């Protein structure tokens, strides 16, 4: 077993971390307060090649693979890169494009992946509905065949990038008698008509990543835009993306832990109470030690799943363990960071306040912590 990153990977981590610290982090507070997407930063990320990292060069990507993509996302968080930007990046590249790469026809890949990689077009993923969250197979959005088209009707909720998306991978029921096996996936462009952003959502954290409710009303989608075969949407797209979503897409949370630890170390050295730096007090020092343990364990879990993806090894269990541990750890580290900063950690002047708000989403999105525990227990015990 070799846990060492190559010199090139270490240099890449350093490059992305410095990029995030220089180009993204200084603007985060302003855009978080306004709840606005940072377009200039997005363009800089595209210019750096971050948006198309895992995809083959023939489709405009970098051919970086899962591990290098995870390294970049980790480094982005470590550089203090805006969690909202990394969320939009993940929704765009991972769940909004990996399904096209894995399941799409050659025509679909050539049409959609290059503008996604360049950032010219922004993608999103539409599965969750107002009444279908953890029970994702209970979606009610329908797609009815009408000649060379499918007509989609329904509502999607909590869609990251929804307000700014040029296209959306939409999951819809094509055969309600088959349950999850009757759900199909479609690449829907907003120009098709009947694609409406009905309500932009005002969130607690990740505020620079726009989120919306999307409504599809008699939206006519060419049959050639079906992703995979009819009925392959739920399980096919899930198989293609879940391990990416539950491991690589949470990599920025690992970097965010590193950034918080660095902030806490500096603060513990400089802040004095009772005549000495607070880092001299065991209560503070032990918190930082425990945060470091959570960071290292989280990074290993993410990189393990990413390595398995690159080797073509199934990683359902490992991805669920990763998602559960990393997101809970990130929230714990952010909470402890606020505690170490005390009253200053509770005000918006210091970024630890924002990281706590941002970290909470990780325990909810892409399958709640409770759902991860359910899946892990079933894989271990079977369906008793």
Protein backbone atom coordinates (compact mmCIF):
# COMPACT_ATOMS: atom_id res chain seq x y z
CA UNK A 1 0.00 0.00 0.00
CA UNK A 2 1.33 3.41 -0.98
CA UNK A 3 -0.29 6.47 0.59
CA UNK A 4 2.16 8.92 -0.94
CA UNK A 5 0.97 11.39 -3.55
CA UNK A 6 3.26 11.89 -6.52
CA UNK A 7 5.36 15.08 -6.75
CA UNK A 8 3.02 16.23 -9.54
CA UNK A 9 -0.05 15.68 -7.37
CA UNK A 10 1.52 17.55 -4.45
CA UNK A 11 2.38 20.43 -6.76
CA UNK A 12 -1.16 20.39 -8.14
CA UNK A 13 -2.63 20.54 -4.62
CA UNK A 14 -0.40 23.51 -3.80
CA UNK A 15 -1.30 25.27 -7.05
CA UNK A 16 -5.07 24.92 -6.53
CA UNK A 17 -4.84 25.85 -2.85
CA UNK A 18 -2.93 29.03 -3.69
CA UNK A 19 -5.37 29.81 -6.50
CA UNK A 20 -8.36 29.51 -4.15
CA UNK A 21 -6.67 31.64 -1.50
CA UNK A 22 -5.72 34.32 -4.02
CA UNK A 23 -8.64 34.45 -6.44
CA UNK A 24 -11.70 33.15 -4.59
CA UNK A 25 -11.41 33.49 -0.82
CA UNK A 26 -11.04 37.31 -0.67
CA UNK A 27 -14.45 37.76 -2.30
CA UNK A 28 -16.36 35.11 -0.38
CA UNK A 29 -17.66 37.24 2.47
CA UNK A 30 -19.09 39.86 0.11
CA UNK A 31 -20.89 37.36 -2.09
CA UNK A 32 -22.05 35.27 0.88
CA UNK A 33 -23.71 38.34 2.39
CA UNK A 34 -25.43 39.16 -0.89
CA UNK A 35 -26.27 35.53 -1.64
CA UNK A 36 -24.94 35.94 -5.17
CA UNK A 37 -23.01 33.69 -7.52
CA UNK A 38 -19.42 34.80 -8.14
CA UNK A 39 -19.31 34.79 -11.94
CA UNK A 40 -15.79 36.16 -12.23
CA UNK A 41 -14.49 33.44 -9.94
CA UNK A 42 -16.34 30.78 -11.95
CA UNK A 43 -14.65 31.99 -15.13
CA UNK A 44 -11.26 31.84 -13.43
CA UNK A 45 -11.97 28.27 -12.34
CA UNK A 46 -12.88 27.41 -15.93
CA UNK A 47 -9.72 29.04 -17.27
CA UNK A 48 -7.68 26.94 -14.86
CA UNK A 49 -9.31 23.79 -16.21
CA UNK A 50 -11.01 22.84 -12.95
CA UNK A 51 -14.52 22.43 -14.37
CA UNK A 52 -13.60 19.61 -16.73
CA UNK A 53 -10.96 17.78 -14.71
CA UNK A 54 -12.18 14.16 -14.88
CA UNK A 55 -13.26 14.10 -18.51
CA UNK A 56 -11.21 12.89 -21.50
CA UNK A 57 -9.32 15.53 -23.45
CA UNK A 58 -11.30 14.72 -26.59
CA UNK A 59 -14.37 16.22 -24.89
CA UNK A 60 -12.55 19.30 -23.61
CA UNK A 61 -11.52 17.87 -20.26
CA UNK A 62 -8.17 17.24 -18.60
CA UNK A 63 -8.34 13.45 -18.28
CA UNK A 64 -7.37 13.84 -14.63
CA UNK A 65 -9.29 10.93 -13.14
CA UNK A 66 -11.16 10.69 -9.84
CA UNK A 67 -8.18 10.99 -7.50
CA UNK A 68 -6.76 14.11 -9.12
CA UNK A 69 -10.26 15.63 -9.16
CA UNK A 70 -10.60 14.90 -5.44
CA UNK A 71 -7.16 16.42 -4.81
CA UNK A 72 -8.21 19.61 -6.61
CA UNK A 73 -11.50 19.90 -4.73
CA UNK A 74 -9.74 19.22 -1.44
CA UNK A 75 -7.12 21.87 -2.22
CA UNK A 76 -9.81 24.38 -3.20
CA UNK A 77 -11.37 24.03 0.25
CA UNK A 78 -7.98 24.13 1.95
CA UNK A 79 -7.25 27.46 0.29
CA UNK A 80 -10.35 28.91 1.86
CA UNK A 81 -12.19 28.63 -1.43
CA UNK A 82 -15.85 29.49 -1.12
CA UNK A 83 -17.92 26.42 -0.15
CA UNK A 84 -20.76 27.69 -2.30
CA UNK A 85 -18.50 27.80 -5.35
CA UNK A 86 -17.26 24.28 -4.67
CA UNK A 87 -20.87 23.11 -4.29
CA UNK A 88 -21.78 24.60 -7.67
CA UNK A 89 -18.61 23.08 -9.12
CA UNK A 90 -19.60 19.65 -7.84
CA UNK A 91 -23.18 19.96 -9.07
CA UNK A 92 -21.92 21.08 -12.46
CA UNK A 93 -19.04 18.65 -12.99
CA UNK A 94 -19.92 15.61 -10.88
CA UNK A 95 -23.68 15.07 -10.84
CA UNK A 96 -24.38 17.39 -13.77
CA UNK A 97 -21.86 15.93 -16.22
CA UNK A 98 -20.43 12.58 -15.08
CA UNK A 99 -23.72 10.85 -16.05
CA UNK A 100 -23.33 12.22 -19.59
CA UNK A 101 -19.74 11.00 -19.71
CA UNK A 102 -20.57 7.52 -18.37
CA UNK A 103 -24.00 6.89 -19.91
CA UNK A 104 -24.28 9.27 -22.84
CA UNK A 105 -24.10 8.49 -26.52
CA UNK A 106 -21.11 9.73 -28.48
CA UNK A 107 -23.28 12.50 -29.92
CA UNK A 108 -24.38 13.60 -26.44
CA UNK A 109 -20.81 13.66 -25.15
CA UNK A 110 -19.56 15.70 -28.10
CA UNK A 111 -22.46 18.15 -27.82
CA UNK A 112 -22.60 18.75 -24.09
CA UNK A 113 -19.26 17.97 -22.43
CA UNK A 114 -17.05 20.57 -24.18
CA UNK A 115 -19.19 23.58 -23.14
CA UNK A 116 -19.53 22.11 -19.65
CA UNK A 117 -15.75 21.72 -19.36
CA UNK A 118 -15.15 25.28 -20.57
CA UNK A 119 -17.81 26.73 -18.28
CA UNK A 120 -19.67 28.12 -21.29
CA UNK A 121 -22.72 26.18 -20.16
CA UNK A 122 -23.66 25.35 -16.57
CA UNK A 123 -25.24 22.04 -15.70
CA UNK A 124 -27.35 20.80 -12.80
CA UNK A 125 -29.11 17.63 -11.66
CA UNK A 126 -32.84 17.33 -11.03
CA UNK A 127 -33.96 14.42 -8.86
CA UNK A 128 -35.32 15.73 -5.54
CA UNK A 129 -38.93 16.93 -5.42
CA UNK A 130 -41.07 18.70 -2.80
CA UNK A 131 -42.40 15.31 -1.62
CA UNK A 132 -39.48 13.10 -2.61
CA UNK A 133 -36.25 13.64 -0.70
CA UNK A 134 -34.67 10.61 0.95
CA UNK A 135 -37.34 8.49 -0.75
CA UNK A 136 -36.02 9.49 -4.17
CA UNK A 137 -37.72 6.64 -6.02
CA UNK A 138 -41.12 8.18 -5.18
CA UNK A 139 -40.71 11.11 -7.60
CA UNK A 140 -43.84 12.20 -9.46
CA UNK A 141 -42.39 14.12 -12.40
CA UNK A 142 -43.51 12.33 -15.57
CA UNK A 143 -42.15 11.97 -19.08
CA UNK A 144 -44.67 10.80 -21.69
CA UNK A 145 -43.58 9.73 -25.18
CA UNK A 146 -45.07 11.80 -28.00
CA UNK A 147 -43.56 10.81 -31.33
CA UNK A 148 -39.94 11.92 -31.43
CA UNK A 149 -40.27 13.75 -28.11
CA UNK A 150 -40.95 13.15 -24.44
CA UNK A 151 -43.21 15.64 -22.68
CA UNK A 152 -42.06 16.33 -19.12
CA UNK A 153 -44.31 17.68 -16.37
CA UNK A 154 -43.38 18.08 -12.72
CA UNK A 155 -41.48 20.01 -10.07
CA UNK A 156 -37.94 19.63 -8.77
CA UNK A 157 -36.80 21.09 -5.46
CA UNK A 158 -33.44 22.12 -3.92
CA UNK A 159 -31.68 22.09 -7.30
CA UNK A 160 -28.14 23.42 -7.01
CA UNK A 161 -27.30 25.74 -9.94
CA UNK A 162 -30.98 25.74 -10.91
CA UNK A 163 -31.26 29.53 -11.38
CA UNK A 164 -28.16 29.73 -13.61
CA UNK A 165 -28.23 26.35 -15.37
CA UNK A 166 -28.24 26.03 -19.15
CA UNK A 167 -29.11 22.34 -18.95
CA UNK A 168 -30.36 19.89 -16.36
CA UNK A 169 -30.27 16.12 -16.08
CA UNK A 170 -33.88 15.48 -15.15
CA UNK A 171 -35.20 12.25 -13.65
CA UNK A 172 -38.78 11.49 -14.61
CA UNK A 173 -41.21 8.57 -14.43
CA UNK A 174 -41.79 6.83 -17.76
CA UNK A 175 -43.51 3.74 -16.30
CA UNK A 176 -45.14 4.24 -12.90
CA UNK A 177 -45.81 0.52 -12.50
CA UNK A 178 -42.10 -0.32 -12.23
CA UNK A 179 -41.07 1.91 -9.34
CA UNK A 180 -37.40 2.91 -9.52
CA UNK A 181 -36.98 0.77 -12.64
CA UNK A 182 -39.55 2.95 -14.37
CA UNK A 183 -37.58 6.17 -13.98
CA UNK A 184 -35.64 7.59 -16.93
CA UNK A 185 -33.08 10.38 -17.27
CA UNK A 186 -33.13 13.23 -19.78
CA UNK A 187 -30.76 16.02 -20.74
CA UNK A 188 -33.05 19.05 -20.74
CA UNK A 189 -31.92 22.41 -22.11
CA UNK A 190 -33.60 25.52 -20.76
CA UNK A 191 -34.22 26.66 -24.35
CA UNK A 192 -36.59 23.74 -24.89
CA UNK A 193 -39.41 25.75 -23.35
CA UNK A 194 -41.49 24.78 -20.34
CA UNK A 195 -38.30 24.92 -18.21
CA UNK A 196 -38.99 27.48 -15.49
CA UNK A 197 -37.17 28.62 -12.37
CA UNK A 198 -40.23 29.08 -10.19
CA UNK A 199 -38.50 30.11 -6.98
CA UNK A 200 -34.91 30.81 -5.94
CA UNK A 201 -34.26 29.58 -2.41
CA UNK A 202 -32.62 31.64 0.34
CA UNK A 203 -30.31 29.27 2.21
CA UNK A 204 -28.57 29.28 5.58
CA UNK A 205 -25.17 28.38 4.12
CA UNK A 206 -23.42 27.90 0.78
CA UNK A 207 -25.15 31.12 -0.13
CA UNK A 208 -23.05 31.86 -3.18
CA UNK A 209 -24.35 28.69 -4.82
CA UNK A 210 -27.80 29.44 -6.27
CA UNK A 211 -30.51 26.90 -5.50
CA UNK A 212 -34.02 26.77 -6.88
CA UNK A 213 -37.30 25.03 -7.38
CA UNK A 214 -37.68 24.12 -11.05
CA UNK A 215 -41.01 23.55 -12.76
CA UNK A 216 -41.42 21.67 -16.04
CA UNK A 217 -44.68 22.34 -17.83
CA UNK A 218 -45.27 20.40 -21.06
CA UNK A 219 -41.53 20.58 -21.65
CA UNK A 220 -40.85 18.85 -24.97
CA UNK A 221 -37.51 17.05 -24.94
CA UNK A 222 -36.19 15.26 -28.04
CA UNK A 223 -36.15 11.49 -27.54
CA UNK A 224 -32.48 11.54 -28.51
CA UNK A 225 -31.83 13.44 -25.27
CA UNK A 226 -32.71 10.45 -23.12
CA UNK A 227 -29.66 9.45 -21.11
CA UNK A 228 -29.26 5.71 -21.44
CA UNK A 229 -32.31 3.58 -22.13
CA UNK A 230 -35.84 4.03 -20.88
CA UNK A 231 -36.06 2.90 -17.27
CA UNK A 232 -32.30 3.18 -16.66
CA UNK A 233 -32.39 6.64 -15.13
CA UNK A 234 -32.69 5.96 -11.42
CA UNK A 235 -30.39 2.97 -11.10
CA UNK A 236 -28.17 3.75 -14.09
CA UNK A 237 -27.41 7.33 -13.16
CA UNK A 238 -27.15 6.31 -9.52
CA UNK A 239 -24.58 3.67 -10.35
CA UNK A 240 -22.68 6.16 -12.51
CA UNK A 241 -22.58 9.02 -10.02
CA UNK A 242 -23.29 8.03 -6.42
CA UNK A 243 -19.73 7.10 -5.54
CA UNK A 244 -18.50 10.32 -7.17
CA UNK A 245 -21.12 12.35 -5.31
CA UNK A 246 -20.58 10.72 -1.92
CA UNK A 247 -16.78 10.89 -1.98
CA UNK A 248 -15.19 13.16 -4.57
CA UNK A 249 -17.89 15.80 -4.24
CA UNK A 250 -17.34 16.01 -0.46
CA UNK A 251 -13.58 16.56 -0.89
CA UNK A 252 -13.94 20.37 -0.46
CA UNK A 253 -15.22 19.65 3.06
CA UNK A 254 -11.88 17.99 3.82
CA UNK A 255 -10.02 21.07 2.65
CA UNK A 256 -12.35 23.26 4.69
CA UNK A 257 -11.28 21.33 7.80
CA UNK A 258 -7.64 22.05 6.99
CA UNK A 259 -8.41 25.74 6.55
CA UNK A 260 -10.27 25.87 9.85
CA UNK A 261 -7.44 24.14 11.69
CA UNK A 262 -4.94 26.62 10.25
CA UNK A 263 -7.15 29.49 11.42
CA UNK A 264 -7.48 27.98 14.88
CA UNK A 265 -3.74 27.34 15.25
CA UNK A 266 -2.98 30.95 14.36
CA UNK A 267 -5.69 32.28 16.67
CA UNK A 268 -4.61 30.03 19.55
CA UNK A 269 -1.07 31.38 19.25
CA UNK A 270 -2.10 35.04 19.10
CA UNK A 271 -5.14 35.25 21.40
CA UNK A 272 -4.13 35.72 25.03
CA UNK A 273 -6.20 35.18 28.15
CA UNK A 274 -5.00 34.95 31.76
CA UNK A 275 -1.63 36.22 30.60
CA UNK A 276 -0.78 33.56 28.01
CA UNK A 277 -1.82 32.30 24.54
CA UNK A 278 -5.00 30.23 24.70
CA UNK A 279 -3.17 27.43 22.89
CA UNK A 280 -1.34 26.84 26.18
CA UNK A 281 -4.62 25.68 27.72
CA UNK A 282 -5.31 21.97 27.37
CA UNK A 283 -9.00 22.62 26.65
CA UNK A 284 -8.05 24.48 23.46
CA UNK A 285 -5.00 22.42 22.50
CA UNK A 286 -6.88 19.14 22.71
CA UNK A 287 -9.67 20.45 20.50
CA UNK A 288 -7.14 21.27 17.80
CA UNK A 289 -5.54 17.82 18.17
CA UNK A 290 -8.91 16.13 17.75
CA UNK A 291 -9.69 18.31 14.71
CA UNK A 292 -6.43 17.17 13.12
CA UNK A 293 -7.37 13.51 13.65
CA UNK A 294 -10.73 14.09 11.96
CA UNK A 295 -9.01 15.83 9.05
CA UNK A 296 -6.50 13.06 8.39
CA UNK A 297 -9.09 10.29 8.62
CA UNK A 298 -11.43 12.18 6.31
CA UNK A 299 -8.76 12.79 3.69
CA UNK A 300 -7.81 9.10 3.64
CA UNK A 301 -11.46 8.07 3.20
CA UNK A 302 -11.96 10.43 0.26
CA UNK A 303 -8.74 9.47 -1.46
CA UNK A 304 -9.46 5.76 -0.96
CA UNK A 305 -12.77 5.95 -2.82
CA UNK A 306 -11.25 8.14 -5.53
CA UNK A 307 -8.43 5.61 -6.01
CA UNK A 308 -10.97 2.78 -6.20
CA UNK A 309 -12.92 4.67 -8.87
CA UNK A 310 -9.76 5.06 -10.94
CA UNK A 311 -9.08 1.33 -10.59
CA UNK A 312 -12.62 0.40 -11.61
CA UNK A 313 -13.34 -1.15 -8.20
CA UNK A 314 -16.95 -0.85 -6.92
CA UNK A 315 -17.04 1.30 -3.80
CA UNK A 316 -20.64 1.60 -2.64
CA UNK A 317 -19.88 0.75 1.00
CA UNK A 318 -16.70 2.81 1.05
CA UNK A 319 -18.46 5.81 -0.50
CA UNK A 320 -21.25 5.72 2.07
CA UNK A 321 -18.75 5.42 4.92
CA UNK A 322 -16.83 8.34 3.42
CA UNK A 323 -19.90 10.55 3.00
CA UNK A 324 -21.12 9.86 6.54
CA UNK A 325 -17.80 10.34 8.30
CA UNK A 326 -16.44 13.30 6.34
CA UNK A 327 -19.55 15.45 6.45
CA UNK A 328 -20.16 14.83 10.16
CA UNK A 329 -16.47 15.49 10.84
CA UNK A 330 -16.52 18.72 8.85
CA UNK A 331 -19.47 19.99 10.86
CA UNK A 332 -17.77 19.02 14.13
CA UNK A 333 -14.53 20.75 13.14
CA UNK A 334 -16.41 23.90 12.12
CA UNK A 335 -18.32 23.88 15.41
CA UNK A 336 -15.13 23.50 17.42
CA UNK A 337 -13.51 26.30 15.42
CA UNK A 338 -16.34 28.63 16.43
CA UNK A 339 -15.91 27.49 20.04
CA UNK A 340 -12.17 28.21 19.98
CA UNK A 341 -12.76 31.68 18.56
CA UNK A 342 -15.43 32.24 21.21
CA UNK A 343 -17.48 35.38 20.76
CA UNK A 344 -15.44 36.34 17.72
CA UNK A 345 -16.34 33.02 16.12
CA UNK A 346 -20.01 33.89 16.39
CA UNK A 347 -19.79 37.09 14.37
CA UNK A 348 -19.54 37.33 10.62
CA UNK A 349 -16.23 39.16 10.68
CA UNK A 350 -14.45 35.83 11.06
CA UNK A 351 -14.84 33.08 8.42
CA UNK A 352 -15.32 30.27 10.97
CA UNK A 353 -18.91 31.49 11.41
CA UNK A 354 -19.57 30.94 7.73
CA UNK A 355 -17.90 27.52 7.67
CA UNK A 356 -20.30 26.26 10.32
CA UNK A 357 -23.30 27.35 8.27
CA UNK A 358 -21.77 25.86 5.13
CA UNK A 359 -20.81 22.53 6.72
CA UNK A 360 -24.33 21.62 7.81
CA UNK A 361 -25.50 20.96 4.25
CA UNK A 362 -23.06 18.07 3.95
CA UNK A 363 -25.01 16.03 6.49
CA UNK A 364 -28.25 16.59 4.55
CA UNK A 365 -27.56 16.67 0.80
CA UNK A 366 -26.65 13.68 -1.39
CA UNK A 367 -28.32 11.37 1.11
CA UNK A 368 -28.62 12.37 4.77
CA UNK A 369 -26.33 10.92 7.42
CA UNK A 370 -29.24 8.74 8.50
CA UNK A 371 -29.63 7.35 4.97
CA UNK A 372 -25.90 6.58 4.84
CA UNK A 373 -26.21 4.65 8.10
CA UNK A 374 -29.20 2.78 6.70
CA UNK A 375 -27.33 1.76 3.56
CA UNK A 376 -24.19 0.77 5.46
CA UNK A 377 -26.16 -1.33 7.94
CA UNK A 378 -28.09 -3.07 5.17
CA UNK A 379 -24.89 -3.86 3.28
CA UNK A 380 -23.48 -5.38 6.46
CA UNK A 381 -26.58 -7.11 7.80
CA UNK A 382 -28.69 -7.63 4.73
CA UNK A 383 -32.39 -6.81 4.71
CA UNK A 384 -33.53 -8.46 7.94
